[in-house]
Amino acid sequence: MGRTVLPFSQVLEREYEEWKKFRRALRKEDQEAFDRLFDRAKLHVQAAAYTSHPWPLESILLSICLEHEKLLAEILNKLKETKT
């Protein structure tokens, strides 16, 4: 019998737990930002599960980068609109 693969939402939660000491060492506002980063990663659980990458943190970080890219594009579009 093969190994059972955990759902990526559980993998994400485990990764978050592994970084809790780091989080605790941050200032309050940075802890909140840290939590928002992991919340952004949750938006791409399906894609991360589909790829089932051997290093989950890479999928998590790429998900966060993707959300940041979308946010930057939105901000840049709004800036262009205000200049015209």
PDB file of N, CA and C in Angstrom:
ATOM      1  N   MET A   1       0.828  -1.179   0.000  1.00  0.00           N
ATOM      2  CA  MET A   1       0.000   0.000   0.000  1.00  0.00           C
ATOM      3  C   MET A   1       0.876   1.247   0.000  1.00  0.00           C
ATOM      4  N   GLY A   2       0.442   2.269  -0.737  1.00  0.00           N
ATOM      5  CA  GLY A   2       1.204   3.508  -0.817  1.00  0.00           C
ATOM      6  C   GLY A   2       0.945   4.424   0.361  1.00  0.00           C
ATOM      7  N   ARG A   3       1.789   5.416   0.436  1.00  0.00           N
ATOM      8  CA  ARG A   3       1.627   6.420   1.489  1.00  0.00           C
ATOM      9  C   ARG A   3       0.467   7.336   1.182  1.00  0.00           C
ATOM     10  N   THR A   4      -0.235   7.744   2.206  1.00  0.00           N
ATOM     11  CA  THR A   4      -1.317   8.697   2.037  1.00  0.00           C
ATOM     12  C   THR A   4      -0.735  10.106   2.032  1.00  0.00           C
ATOM     13  N   VAL A   5      -1.157  10.894   1.062  1.00  0.00           N
ATOM     14  CA  VAL A   5      -0.686  12.272   0.958  1.00  0.00           C
ATOM     15  C   VAL A   5      -1.674  13.163   1.703  1.00  0.00           C
ATOM     16  N   LEU A   6      -1.139  13.997   2.579  1.00  0.00           N
ATOM     17  CA  LEU A   6      -1.985  14.927   3.328  1.00  0.00           C
ATOM     18  C   LEU A   6      -2.597  15.972   2.406  1.00  0.00           C
ATOM     19  N   PRO A   7      -3.805  16.417   2.691  1.00  0.00           N
ATOM     20  CA  PRO A   7      -4.354  17.542   1.938  1.00  0.00           C
ATOM     21  C   PRO A   7      -3.454  18.760   2.125  1.00  0.00           C
ATOM     22  N   PHE A   8      -3.319  19.561   1.062  1.00  0.00           N
ATOM     23  CA  PHE A   8      -2.372  20.672   1.147  1.00  0.00           C
ATOM     24  C   PHE A   8      -2.775  21.682   2.217  1.00  0.00           C
ATOM     25  N   SER A   9      -4.050  21.800   2.511  1.00  0.00           N
ATOM     26  CA  SER A   9      -4.460  22.714   3.578  1.00  0.00           C
ATOM     27  C   SER A   9      -3.834  22.292   4.909  1.00  0.00           C
ATOM     28  N   GLN A  10      -3.707  20.992   5.133  1.00  0.00           N
ATOM     29  CA  GLN A  10      -3.040  20.509   6.352  1.00  0.00           C
ATOM     30  C   GLN A  10      -1.534  20.718   6.286  1.00  0.00           C
ATOM     31  N   VAL A  11      -0.972  20.552   5.104  1.00  0.00           N
ATOM     32  CA  VAL A  11       0.464  20.806   4.919  1.00  0.00           C
ATOM     33  C   VAL A  11       0.759  22.279   5.213  1.00  0.00           C
ATOM     34  N   LEU A  12      -0.099  23.149   4.708  1.00  0.00           N
ATOM     35  CA  LEU A  12       0.053  24.586   4.942  1.00  0.00           C
ATOM     36  C   LEU A  12      -0.025  24.896   6.432  1.00  0.00           C
ATOM     37  N   GLU A  13      -0.964  24.284   7.118  1.00  0.00           N
ATOM     38  CA  GLU A  13      -1.113  24.503   8.560  1.00  0.00           C
ATOM     39  C   GLU A  13       0.108  24.003   9.319  1.00  0.00           C
ATOM     40  N   ARG A  14       0.642  22.864   8.916  1.00  0.00           N
ATOM     41  CA  ARG A  14       1.864  22.343   9.561  1.00  0.00           C
ATOM     42  C   ARG A  14       3.041  23.288   9.347  1.00  0.00           C
ATOM     43  N   GLU A  15       3.145  23.813   8.133  1.00  0.00           N
ATOM     44  CA  GLU A  15       4.238  24.747   7.833  1.00  0.00           C
ATOM     45  C   GLU A  15       4.105  26.006   8.698  1.00  0.00           C
ATOM     46  N   TYR A  16       2.870  26.486   8.822  1.00  0.00           N
ATOM     47  CA  TYR A  16       2.607  27.647   9.673  1.00  0.00           C
ATOM     48  C   TYR A  16       3.044  27.347  11.113  1.00  0.00           C
ATOM     49  N   GLU A  17       2.712  26.167  11.609  1.00  0.00           N
ATOM     50  CA  GLU A  17       3.089  25.773  12.971  1.00  0.00           C
ATOM     51  C   GLU A  17       4.608  25.734  13.137  1.00  0.00           C
ATOM     52  N   GLU A  18       5.305  25.270  12.103  1.00  0.00           N
ATOM     53  CA  GLU A  18       6.768  25.199  12.180  1.00  0.00           C
ATOM     54  C   GLU A  18       7.408  26.583  12.269  1.00  0.00           C
ATOM     55  N   TRP A  19       6.721  27.585  11.767  1.00  0.00           N
ATOM     56  CA  TRP A  19       7.250  28.948  11.778  1.00  0.00           C
ATOM     57  C   TRP A  19       6.729  29.769  12.958  1.00  0.00           C
ATOM     58  N   LYS A  20       6.019  29.145  13.888  1.00  0.00           N
ATOM     59  CA  LYS A  20       5.418  29.882  15.008  1.00  0.00           C
ATOM     60  C   LYS A  20       6.454  30.542  15.918  1.00  0.00           C
ATOM     61  N   LYS A  21       7.592  29.907  16.152  1.00  0.00           N
ATOM     62  CA  LYS A  21       8.627  30.535  16.987  1.00  0.00           C
ATOM     63  C   LYS A  21       9.117  31.815  16.335  1.00  0.00           C
ATOM     64  N   PHE A  22       9.318  31.756  15.021  1.00  0.00           N
ATOM     65  CA  PHE A  22       9.720  32.942  14.271  1.00  0.00           C
ATOM     66  C   PHE A  22       8.660  34.028  14.429  1.00  0.00           C
ATOM     67  N   ARG A  23       7.408  33.647  14.275  1.00  0.00           N
ATOM     68  CA  ARG A  23       6.296  34.592  14.391  1.00  0.00           C
ATOM     69  C   ARG A  23       6.272  35.249  15.756  1.00  0.00           C
ATOM     70  N   ARG A  24       6.444  34.439  16.814  1.00  0.00           N
ATOM     71  CA  ARG A  24       6.415  34.975  18.179  1.00  0.00           C
ATOM     72  C   ARG A  24       7.512  36.003  18.416  1.00  0.00           C
ATOM     73  N   ALA A  25       8.620  35.877  17.711  1.00  0.00           N
ATOM     74  CA  ALA A  25       9.737  36.806  17.894  1.00  0.00           C
ATOM     75  C   ALA A  25       9.494  38.146  17.190  1.00  0.00           C
ATOM     76  N   LEU A  26       8.463  38.217  16.359  1.00  0.00           N
ATOM     77  CA  LEU A  26       8.168  39.447  15.625  1.00  0.00           C
ATOM     78  C   LEU A  26       7.364  40.420  16.482  1.00  0.00           C
ATOM     79  N   ARG A  27       7.433  41.696  16.103  1.00  0.00           N
ATOM     80  CA  ARG A  27       6.567  42.693  16.735  1.00  0.00           C
ATOM     81  C   ARG A  27       5.122  42.399  16.357  1.00  0.00           C
ATOM     82  N   LYS A  28       4.189  42.941  17.135  1.00  0.00           N
ATOM     83  CA  LYS A  28       2.755  42.677  16.939  1.00  0.00           C
ATOM     84  C   LYS A  28       2.318  42.952  15.500  1.00  0.00           C
ATOM     85  N   GLU A  29       2.674  44.119  14.952  1.00  0.00           N
ATOM     86  CA  GLU A  29       2.234  44.445  13.590  1.00  0.00           C
ATOM     87  C   GLU A  29       2.870  43.522  12.553  1.00  0.00           C
ATOM     88  N   ASP A  30       4.068  43.046  12.834  1.00  0.00           N
ATOM     89  CA  ASP A  30       4.715  42.102  11.924  1.00  0.00           C
ATOM     90  C   ASP A  30       4.083  40.714  12.035  1.00  0.00           C
ATOM     91  N   GLN A  31       3.627  40.351  13.227  1.00  0.00           N
ATOM     92  CA  GLN A  31       2.910  39.089  13.394  1.00  0.00           C
ATOM     93  C   GLN A  31       1.635  39.098  12.556  1.00  0.00           C
ATOM     94  N   GLU A  32       0.954  40.237  12.564  1.00  0.00           N
ATOM     95  CA  GLU A  32      -0.270  40.357  11.769  1.00  0.00           C
ATOM     96  C   GLU A  32       0.037  40.251  10.277  1.00  0.00           C
ATOM     97  N   ALA A  33       1.137  40.873   9.848  1.00  0.00           N
ATOM     98  CA  ALA A  33       1.553  40.773   8.445  1.00  0.00           C
ATOM     99  C   ALA A  33       1.923  39.332   8.100  1.00  0.00           C
ATOM    100  N   PHE A  34       2.604  38.664   8.997  1.00  0.00           N
ATOM    101  CA  PHE A  34       2.979  37.257   8.813  1.00  0.00           C
ATOM    102  C   PHE A  34       1.725  36.405   8.606  1.00  0.00           C
ATOM    103  N   ASP A  35       0.724  36.637   9.441  1.00  0.00           N
ATOM    104  CA  ASP A  35      -0.532  35.890   9.315  1.00  0.00           C
ATOM    105  C   ASP A  35      -1.207  36.164   7.975  1.00  0.00           C
ATOM    106  N   ARG A  36      -1.156  37.418   7.524  1.00  0.00           N
ATOM    107  CA  ARG A  36      -1.760  37.757   6.229  1.00  0.00           C
ATOM    108  C   ARG A  36      -1.055  37.025   5.087  1.00  0.00           C
ATOM    109  N   LEU A  37       0.261  36.857   5.196  1.00  0.00           N
ATOM    110  CA  LEU A  37       0.998  36.128   4.158  1.00  0.00           C
ATOM    111  C   LEU A  37       0.485  34.692   4.036  1.00  0.00           C
ATOM    112  N   PHE A  38       0.321  34.036   5.160  1.00  0.00           N
ATOM    113  CA  PHE A  38      -0.177  32.665   5.111  1.00  0.00           C
ATOM    114  C   PHE A  38      -1.631  32.629   4.645  1.00  0.00           C
ATOM    115  N   ASP A  39      -2.394  33.672   4.981  1.00  0.00           N
ATOM    116  CA  ASP A  39      -3.773  33.740   4.477  1.00  0.00           C
ATOM    117  C   ASP A  39      -3.779  33.837   2.952  1.00  0.00           C
ATOM    118  N   ARG A  40      -2.831  34.574   2.397  1.00  0.00           N
ATOM    119  CA  ARG A  40      -2.736  34.694   0.940  1.00  0.00           C
ATOM    120  C   ARG A  40      -2.386  33.348   0.316  1.00  0.00           C
ATOM    121  N   ALA A  41      -1.538  32.596   0.975  1.00  0.00           N
ATOM    122  CA  ALA A  41      -1.153  31.276   0.456  1.00  0.00           C
ATOM    123  C   ALA A  41      -2.356  30.346   0.397  1.00  0.00           C
ATOM    124  N   LYS A  42      -3.306  30.520   1.317  1.00  0.00           N
ATOM    125  CA  LYS A  42      -4.499  29.672   1.350  1.00  0.00           C
ATOM    126  C   LYS A  42      -5.357  29.844   0.091  1.00  0.00           C
ATOM    127  N   LEU A  43      -5.188  30.965  -0.596  1.00  0.00           N
ATOM    128  CA  LEU A  43      -5.970  31.212  -1.806  1.00  0.00           C
ATOM    129  C   LEU A  43      -5.567  30.290  -2.957  1.00  0.00           C
ATOM    130  N   HIS A  44      -4.413  29.643  -2.827  1.00  0.00           N
ATOM    131  CA  HIS A  44      -3.900  28.802  -3.914  1.00  0.00           C
ATOM    132  C   HIS A  44      -3.648  27.363  -3.481  1.00  0.00           C
ATOM    133  N   VAL A  45      -4.420  26.919  -2.506  1.00  0.00           N
ATOM    134  CA  VAL A  45      -4.269  25.551  -2.010  1.00  0.00           C
ATOM    135  C   VAL A  45      -4.478  24.532  -3.128  1.00  0.00           C
ATOM    136  N   GLN A  46      -5.465  24.775  -3.998  1.00  0.00           N
ATOM    137  CA  GLN A  46      -5.744  23.805  -5.065  1.00  0.00           C
ATOM    138  C   GLN A  46      -4.545  23.652  -6.006  1.00  0.00           C
ATOM    139  N   ALA A  47      -3.935  24.778  -6.386  1.00  0.00           N
ATOM    140  CA  ALA A  47      -2.784  24.714  -7.297  1.00  0.00           C
ATOM    141  C   ALA A  47      -1.604  24.006  -6.628  1.00  0.00           C
ATOM    142  N   ALA A  48      -1.384  24.314  -5.361  1.00  0.00           N
ATOM    143  CA  ALA A  48      -0.275  23.681  -4.640  1.00  0.00           C
ATOM    144  C   ALA A  48      -0.519  22.180  -4.492  1.00  0.00           C
ATOM    145  N   ALA A  49      -1.759  21.808  -4.242  1.00  0.00           N
ATOM    146  CA  ALA A  49      -2.090  20.376  -4.122  1.00  0.00           C
ATOM    147  C   ALA A  49      -1.912  19.679  -5.467  1.00  0.00           C
ATOM    148  N   TYR A  50      -2.295  20.355  -6.538  1.00  0.00           N
ATOM    149  CA  TYR A  50      -2.199  19.773  -7.877  1.00  0.00           C
ATOM    150  C   TYR A  50      -0.747  19.479  -8.250  1.00  0.00           C
ATOM    151  N   THR A  51       0.154  20.399  -7.894  1.00  0.00           N
ATOM    152  CA  THR A  51       1.564  20.191  -8.238  1.00  0.00           C
ATOM    153  C   THR A  51       2.243  19.219  -7.298  1.00  0.00           C
ATOM    154  N   SER A  52       1.730  19.092  -6.079  1.00  0.00           N
ATOM    155  CA  SER A  52       2.319  18.255  -5.018  1.00  0.00           C
ATOM    156  C   SER A  52       3.853  18.309  -5.046  1.00  0.00           C
ATOM    157  N   HIS A  53       4.352  19.518  -4.951  1.00  0.00           N
ATOM    158  CA  HIS A  53       5.791  19.783  -4.937  1.00  0.00           C
ATOM    159  C   HIS A  53       6.424  19.157  -3.693  1.00  0.00           C
ATOM    160  N   PRO A  54       7.623  18.596  -3.811  1.00  0.00           N
ATOM    161  CA  PRO A  54       8.235  17.940  -2.648  1.00  0.00           C
ATOM    162  C   PRO A  54       8.599  18.901  -1.508  1.00  0.00           C
ATOM    163  N   TRP A  55       8.739  20.187  -1.812  1.00  0.00           N
ATOM    164  CA  TRP A  55       9.048  21.183  -0.776  1.00  0.00           C
ATOM    165  C   TRP A  55       7.870  22.154  -0.695  1.00  0.00           C
ATOM    166  N   PRO A  56       6.943  21.913   0.201  1.00  0.00           N
ATOM    167  CA  PRO A  56       5.723  22.716   0.267  1.00  0.00           C
ATOM    168  C   PRO A  56       5.971  24.209   0.470  1.00  0.00           C
ATOM    169  N   LEU A  57       7.035  24.557   1.172  1.00  0.00           N
ATOM    170  CA  LEU A  57       7.286  25.976   1.418  1.00  0.00           C
ATOM    171  C   LEU A  57       7.465  26.732   0.104  1.00  0.00           C
ATOM    172  N   GLU A  58       8.032  26.083  -0.899  1.00  0.00           N
ATOM    173  CA  GLU A  58       8.186  26.744  -2.195  1.00  0.00           C
ATOM    174  C   GLU A  58       6.830  27.063  -2.812  1.00  0.00           C
ATOM    175  N   SER A  59       5.886  26.148  -2.720  1.00  0.00           N
ATOM    176  CA  SER A  59       4.536  26.403  -3.236  1.00  0.00           C
ATOM    177  C   SER A  59       3.863  27.518  -2.441  1.00  0.00           C
ATOM    178  N   ILE A  60       4.077  27.515  -1.142  1.00  0.00           N
ATOM    179  CA  ILE A  60       3.503  28.558  -0.286  1.00  0.00           C
ATOM    180  C   ILE A  60       4.074  29.917  -0.662  1.00  0.00           C
ATOM    181  N   LEU A  61       5.380  29.998  -0.787  1.00  0.00           N
ATOM    182  CA  LEU A  61       6.027  31.275  -1.119  1.00  0.00           C
ATOM    183  C   LEU A  61       5.630  31.756  -2.513  1.00  0.00           C
ATOM    184  N   LEU A  62       5.520  30.847  -3.455  1.00  0.00           N
ATOM    185  CA  LEU A  62       5.099  31.236  -4.804  1.00  0.00           C
ATOM    186  C   LEU A  62       3.656  31.733  -4.793  1.00  0.00           C
ATOM    187  N   SER A  63       2.818  31.120  -3.993  1.00  0.00           N
ATOM    188  CA  SER A  63       1.429  31.583  -3.856  1.00  0.00           C
ATOM    189  C   SER A  63       1.376  32.996  -3.295  1.00  0.00           C
ATOM    190  N   ILE A  64       2.205  33.259  -2.300  1.00  0.00           N
ATOM    191  CA  ILE A  64       2.269  34.596  -1.709  1.00  0.00           C
ATOM    192  C   ILE A  64       2.765  35.602  -2.746  1.00  0.00           C
ATOM    193  N   CYS A  65       3.803  35.234  -3.482  1.00  0.00           N
ATOM    194  CA  CYS A  65       4.332  36.118  -4.539  1.00  0.00           C
ATOM    195  C   CYS A  65       3.275  36.405  -5.601  1.00  0.00           C
ATOM    196  N   LEU A  66       2.517  35.399  -5.965  1.00  0.00           N
ATOM    197  CA  LEU A  66       1.464  35.578  -6.956  1.00  0.00           C
ATOM    198  C   LEU A  66       0.432  36.598  -6.478  1.00  0.00           C
ATOM    199  N   GLU A  67       0.020  36.482  -5.230  1.00  0.00           N
ATOM    200  CA  GLU A  67      -0.940  37.446  -4.683  1.00  0.00           C
ATOM    201  C   GLU A  67      -0.351  38.854  -4.615  1.00  0.00           C
ATOM    202  N   HIS A  68       0.925  38.954  -4.284  1.00  0.00           N
ATOM    203  CA  HIS A  68       1.582  40.265  -4.261  1.00  0.00           C
ATOM    204  C   HIS A  68       1.680  40.857  -5.659  1.00  0.00           C
ATOM    205  N   GLU A  69       1.957  40.022  -6.643  1.00  0.00           N
ATOM    206  CA  GLU A  69       2.024  40.486  -8.031  1.00  0.00           C
ATOM    207  C   GLU A  69       0.678  41.042  -8.475  1.00  0.00           C
ATOM    208  N   LYS A  70      -0.382  40.349  -8.143  1.00  0.00           N
ATOM    209  CA  LYS A  70      -1.725  40.822  -8.487  1.00  0.00           C
ATOM    210  C   LYS A  70      -2.028  42.157  -7.811  1.00  0.00           C
ATOM    211  N   LEU A  71      -1.626  42.274  -6.555  1.00  0.00           N
ATOM    212  CA  LEU A  71      -1.853  43.510  -5.815  1.00  0.00           C
ATOM    213  C   LEU A  71      -1.052  44.665  -6.412  1.00  0.00           C
ATOM    214  N   LEU A  72       0.195  44.412  -6.767  1.00  0.00           N
ATOM    215  CA  LEU A  72       1.022  45.447  -7.404  1.00  0.00           C
ATOM    216  C   LEU A  72       0.431  45.901  -8.730  1.00  0.00           C
ATOM    217  N   ALA A  73      -0.030  44.952  -9.523  1.00  0.00           N
ATOM    218  CA  ALA A  73      -0.638  45.297 -10.816  1.00  0.00           C
ATOM    219  C   ALA A  73      -1.876  46.163 -10.604  1.00  0.00           C
ATOM    220  N   GLU A  74      -2.671  45.827  -9.614  1.00  0.00           N
ATOM    221  CA  GLU A  74      -3.870  46.613  -9.311  1.00  0.00           C
ATOM    222  C   GLU A  74      -3.501  48.037  -8.883  1.00  0.00           C
ATOM    223  N   ILE A  75      -2.511  48.165  -8.045  1.00  0.00           N
ATOM    224  CA  ILE A  75      -2.062  49.490  -7.585  1.00  0.00           C
ATOM    225  C   ILE A  75      -1.519  50.304  -8.754  1.00  0.00           C
ATOM    226  N   LEU A  76      -0.710  49.676  -9.605  1.00  0.00           N
ATOM    227  CA  LEU A  76      -0.153  50.379 -10.764  1.00  0.00           C
ATOM    228  C   LEU A  76      -1.252  50.840 -11.719  1.00  0.00           C
ATOM    229  N   ASN A  77      -2.252  50.001 -11.937  1.00  0.00           N
ATOM    230  CA  ASN A  77      -3.386  50.394 -12.786  1.00  0.00           C
ATOM    231  C   ASN A  77      -4.129  51.577 -12.197  1.00  0.00           C
ATOM    232  N   LYS A  78      -4.327  51.591 -10.903  1.00  0.00           N
ATOM    233  CA  LYS A  78      -5.003  52.719 -10.261  1.00  0.00           C
ATOM    234  C   LYS A  78      -4.175  53.992 -10.372  1.00  0.00           C
ATOM    235  N   LEU A  79      -2.861  53.859 -10.251  1.00  0.00           N
ATOM    236  CA  LEU A  79      -1.988  55.022 -10.413  1.00  0.00           C
ATOM    237  C   LEU A  79      -2.064  55.585 -11.835  1.00  0.00           C
ATOM    238  N   LYS A  80      -2.064  54.696 -12.818  1.00  0.00           N
ATOM    239  CA  LYS A  80      -2.180  55.131 -14.218  1.00  0.00           C
ATOM    240  C   LYS A  80      -3.498  55.848 -14.451  1.00  0.00           C
ATOM    241  N   GLU A  81      -4.575  55.327 -13.866  1.00  0.00           N
ATOM    242  CA  GLU A  81      -5.888  55.950 -14.023  1.00  0.00           C
ATOM    243  C   GLU A  81      -5.938  57.338 -13.409  1.00  0.00           C
ATOM    244  N   THR A  82      -5.278  57.545 -12.296  1.00  0.00           N
ATOM    245  CA  THR A  82      -5.306  58.856 -11.639  1.00  0.00           C
ATOM    246  C   THR A  82      -4.431  59.870 -12.387  1.00  0.00           C
ATOM    247  N   LYS A  83      -3.441  59.395 -13.133  1.00  0.00           N
ATOM    248  CA  LYS A  83      -2.561  60.303 -13.887  1.00  0.00           C
ATOM    249  C   LYS A  83      -3.202  60.773 -15.187  1.00  0.00           C
ATOM    250  N   THR A  84      -4.200  60.048 -15.667  1.00  0.00           N
ATOM    251  CA  THR A  84      -4.826  60.433 -16.942  1.00  0.00           C
ATOM    252  C   THR A  84      -6.089  61.232 -16.739  1.00  0.00           C
TER     253      THR A  84
END
